[in-house]
Protein backbone atom coordinates (compact mmCIF):
# COMPACT_ATOMS: atom_id res chain seq x y z
CA UNK A 1 162.26 100.25 141.86
CA UNK A 2 159.12 100.07 144.06
CA UNK A 3 155.91 101.62 142.81
CA UNK A 4 154.66 104.86 144.35
CA UNK A 5 151.91 104.53 146.93
CA UNK A 6 151.37 108.26 147.38
CA UNK A 7 151.37 111.01 144.77
CA UNK A 8 152.04 114.73 144.90
CA UNK A 9 149.31 117.02 143.58
CA UNK A 10 151.37 117.58 140.40
CA UNK A 11 151.55 113.82 139.84
CA UNK A 12 147.80 113.53 140.47
CA UNK A 13 147.19 116.36 138.01
CA UNK A 14 149.16 114.44 135.36
CA UNK A 15 146.92 111.39 135.81
CA UNK A 16 143.80 113.57 135.70
CA UNK A 17 145.09 115.25 132.53
CA UNK A 18 145.74 111.90 130.83
CA UNK A 19 142.26 110.70 131.80
CA UNK A 20 140.69 113.90 130.50
CA UNK A 21 142.33 113.49 127.11
CA UNK A 22 141.85 109.73 126.93
CA UNK A 23 145.54 108.82 126.92
CA UNK A 24 145.10 105.14 127.76
CA UNK A 25 148.68 104.31 126.77
CA UNK A 26 150.16 106.78 129.25
CA UNK A 27 147.79 105.71 132.03
CA UNK A 28 148.59 102.04 131.46
CA UNK A 29 152.31 102.82 131.65
CA UNK A 30 151.87 104.87 134.84
CA UNK A 31 149.91 102.18 136.68
CA UNK A 32 151.96 99.28 135.33
CA UNK A 33 155.45 100.69 135.93
CA UNK A 34 155.33 103.62 138.34
CA UNK A 35 152.26 103.82 140.60
CA UNK A 36 150.49 101.22 142.70
CA UNK A 37 147.04 100.81 141.03
CA UNK A 38 145.12 101.13 144.31
CA UNK A 39 146.33 104.77 144.49
CA UNK A 40 143.75 105.67 141.83
CA UNK A 41 141.08 105.99 144.55
CA UNK A 42 143.01 108.87 146.16
CA UNK A 43 143.55 110.95 143.02
CA UNK A 44 141.50 114.12 142.68
CA UNK A 45 141.88 117.76 141.76
CA UNK A 46 142.69 119.79 144.86
CA UNK A 47 140.15 122.52 144.04
CA UNK A 48 137.29 120.88 142.14
CA UNK A 49 137.64 117.41 143.71
CA UNK A 50 137.17 115.92 140.23
CA UNK A 51 138.66 112.47 139.85
CA UNK A 52 140.20 110.87 136.75
CA UNK A 53 136.90 108.98 136.41
CA UNK A 54 135.01 112.32 136.26
CA UNK A 55 137.33 113.55 133.51
CA UNK A 56 137.29 110.40 131.40
CA UNK A 57 133.50 110.04 131.75
CA UNK A 58 132.86 113.68 130.86
CA UNK A 59 134.83 113.29 127.66
CA UNK A 60 133.43 109.91 126.63
CA UNK A 61 136.62 107.89 127.08
CA UNK A 62 134.93 104.57 127.83
CA UNK A 63 138.10 102.48 127.57
CA UNK A 64 139.92 104.78 130.00
CA UNK A 65 137.06 104.59 132.51
CA UNK A 66 136.96 100.81 132.12
CA UNK A 67 140.73 100.49 132.59
CA UNK A 68 140.99 102.80 135.61
CA UNK A 69 138.14 101.07 137.41
CA UNK A 70 139.47 97.60 136.54
CA UNK A 71 142.84 98.20 138.20
CA UNK A 72 141.26 98.86 141.60
CA UNK A 73 141.79 95.64 143.55
CA UNK A 74 138.47 95.71 145.45
CA UNK A 75 135.32 96.24 143.36
CA UNK A 76 133.54 97.98 146.26
CA UNK A 77 136.30 100.61 146.23
CA UNK A 78 135.73 101.08 142.49
CA UNK A 79 132.00 101.58 143.14
CA UNK A 80 132.81 104.19 145.81
CA UNK A 81 135.05 106.02 143.34
CA UNK A 82 132.23 106.03 140.75
CA UNK A 83 129.88 107.50 143.37
CA UNK A 84 132.36 110.19 144.48
CA UNK A 85 131.05 113.74 144.09
CA UNK A 86 133.10 116.78 143.13
CA UNK A 87 132.87 120.21 144.78
CA UNK A 88 129.50 120.86 143.06
CA UNK A 89 128.13 117.46 143.98
CA UNK A 90 128.48 116.02 140.48
CA UNK A 91 129.39 112.38 140.00
CA UNK A 92 131.08 110.99 136.91
CA UNK A 93 127.60 109.89 135.83
CA UNK A 94 126.34 113.50 135.96
CA UNK A 95 129.12 114.55 133.61
CA UNK A 96 128.65 111.62 131.24
CA UNK A 97 124.89 112.32 131.10
CA UNK A 98 125.43 116.05 130.57
CA UNK A 99 127.58 115.29 127.53
CA UNK A 100 125.56 112.34 126.22
CA UNK A 101 128.17 109.56 126.54
CA UNK A 102 125.89 106.55 126.57
CA UNK A 103 128.62 103.87 126.52
CA UNK A 104 130.22 105.37 129.62
CA UNK A 105 126.83 105.63 131.31
CA UNK A 106 126.03 101.99 130.61
CA UNK A 107 129.41 100.93 132.01
CA UNK A 108 129.00 103.01 135.17
CA UNK A 109 125.40 101.92 135.80
CA UNK A 110 125.60 98.28 134.82
CA UNK A 111 129.05 97.35 136.11
CA UNK A 112 129.55 99.76 139.01
CA UNK A 113 126.01 100.51 140.23
CA UNK A 114 126.18 104.26 139.52
CA UNK A 115 123.07 105.93 140.89
CA UNK A 116 121.36 108.30 138.42
CA UNK A 117 119.16 109.70 141.21
CA UNK A 118 122.02 111.27 143.20
CA UNK A 119 121.51 115.03 143.24
CA UNK A 120 124.27 117.55 142.79
CA UNK A 121 124.53 120.91 144.54
CA UNK A 122 121.88 122.33 142.20
CA UNK A 123 119.44 119.50 143.09
CA UNK A 124 119.86 117.97 139.61
CA UNK A 125 120.24 114.24 139.10
CA UNK A 126 121.88 112.63 136.06
CA UNK A 127 118.54 112.05 134.37
CA UNK A 128 117.72 115.75 134.64
CA UNK A 129 121.14 116.65 133.17
CA UNK A 130 120.50 114.40 130.17
CA UNK A 131 117.01 115.83 129.65
CA UNK A 132 118.06 119.46 130.11
CA UNK A 133 120.89 119.07 127.61
CA UNK A 134 118.73 117.24 125.07
CA UNK A 135 120.63 113.95 125.24
CA UNK A 136 117.59 111.95 124.19
CA UNK A 137 119.35 108.61 123.79
CA UNK A 138 120.73 108.86 127.33
CA UNK A 139 117.40 110.00 128.74
CA UNK A 140 115.68 107.05 127.03
CA UNK A 141 118.22 104.64 128.50
CA UNK A 142 117.64 105.96 132.02
CA UNK A 143 113.85 105.88 131.65
CA UNK A 144 113.90 102.29 130.43
CA UNK A 145 116.59 100.93 132.75
CA UNK A 146 115.07 102.42 135.88
CA UNK A 147 111.46 101.89 134.76
CA UNK A 148 110.55 105.57 135.03
CA UNK A 149 107.19 106.47 133.54
CA UNK A 150 106.79 110.22 133.30
CA UNK A 151 103.11 109.76 132.37
CA UNK A 152 102.40 107.67 135.44
CA UNK A 153 99.22 108.76 137.17
CA UNK A 154 99.16 109.79 140.80
CA UNK A 155 96.42 108.78 143.24
CA UNK A 156 94.20 111.76 142.26
CA UNK A 157 94.13 110.60 138.64
CA UNK A 158 96.26 113.51 137.40
CA UNK A 159 99.17 112.68 135.16
CA UNK A 160 102.52 113.48 136.73
CA UNK A 161 103.42 115.74 133.81
CA UNK A 162 100.37 117.91 134.55
CA UNK A 163 101.74 118.87 137.94
CA UNK A 164 103.67 122.11 138.26
CA UNK A 165 107.37 121.38 138.30
CA UNK A 166 109.67 123.99 139.71
CA UNK A 167 113.23 124.23 138.56
CA UNK A 168 115.79 126.93 138.18
CA UNK A 169 114.13 129.91 136.43
CA UNK A 170 110.57 128.61 136.72
CA UNK A 171 109.53 131.34 139.12
CA UNK A 172 110.74 134.01 136.72
CA UNK A 173 108.96 132.39 133.78
CA UNK A 174 105.69 132.18 135.75
CA UNK A 175 105.89 135.80 136.89
CA UNK A 176 106.67 136.93 133.35
CA UNK A 177 103.72 135.00 131.89
CA UNK A 178 101.37 136.34 134.58
CA UNK A 179 102.59 139.89 133.98
CA UNK A 180 102.08 139.64 130.22
CA UNK A 181 98.57 138.32 130.72
CA UNK A 182 97.70 141.10 133.20
CA UNK A 183 99.12 143.79 130.89
CA UNK A 184 97.17 142.40 127.96
CA UNK A 185 93.94 142.42 129.99
CA UNK A 186 94.62 145.96 131.19
CA UNK A 187 95.30 147.19 127.66
CA UNK A 188 92.09 145.56 126.46
CA UNK A 189 90.05 147.31 129.20
CA UNK A 190 91.62 150.72 128.62
CA UNK A 191 91.84 150.81 124.83
CA UNK A 192 88.49 152.62 124.53
CA UNK A 193 89.37 155.24 127.12
CA UNK A 194 90.71 158.54 125.81
CA UNK A 195 93.31 160.29 127.80
């Protein structure tokens, strides 16, 4: 019986499900007996555009990620799959960083040239996701591998971490701090006045 070269969405969903739950045995059987391995590059969720690589990376299934990428006949195609973004602009590396799966991250970066500087729809890169979610080991790996020095000085002699950095919610925090300060000053000035 010839292997399938095109899958229905239900068949794709089954592969995505197996990748999500790390079922390497089932995936090996599917791509050995039923489905042409090169089809893996076409598999994605119809709504979220998440691939099996997204799902396996997000859940720390290093062996599944390794297997699925290894069955792709052309390594450049595997690299393109690693770089593929879902509907929110997240790559598999974003999801692995968000959840702190260092082994998956090393595999994606070192073997498949995953780019930690790609920004998702919220303008967050993988390094930011690791930092925001307190995945210190992952953040350290990124900083060392990509030679990022967050204390590096700019041409004015100011440290980069002294600059104001705006991110989601920063404006609200700044306004709140300014308001508290102004209220405190106003209360101080008016405390001696009798109404």
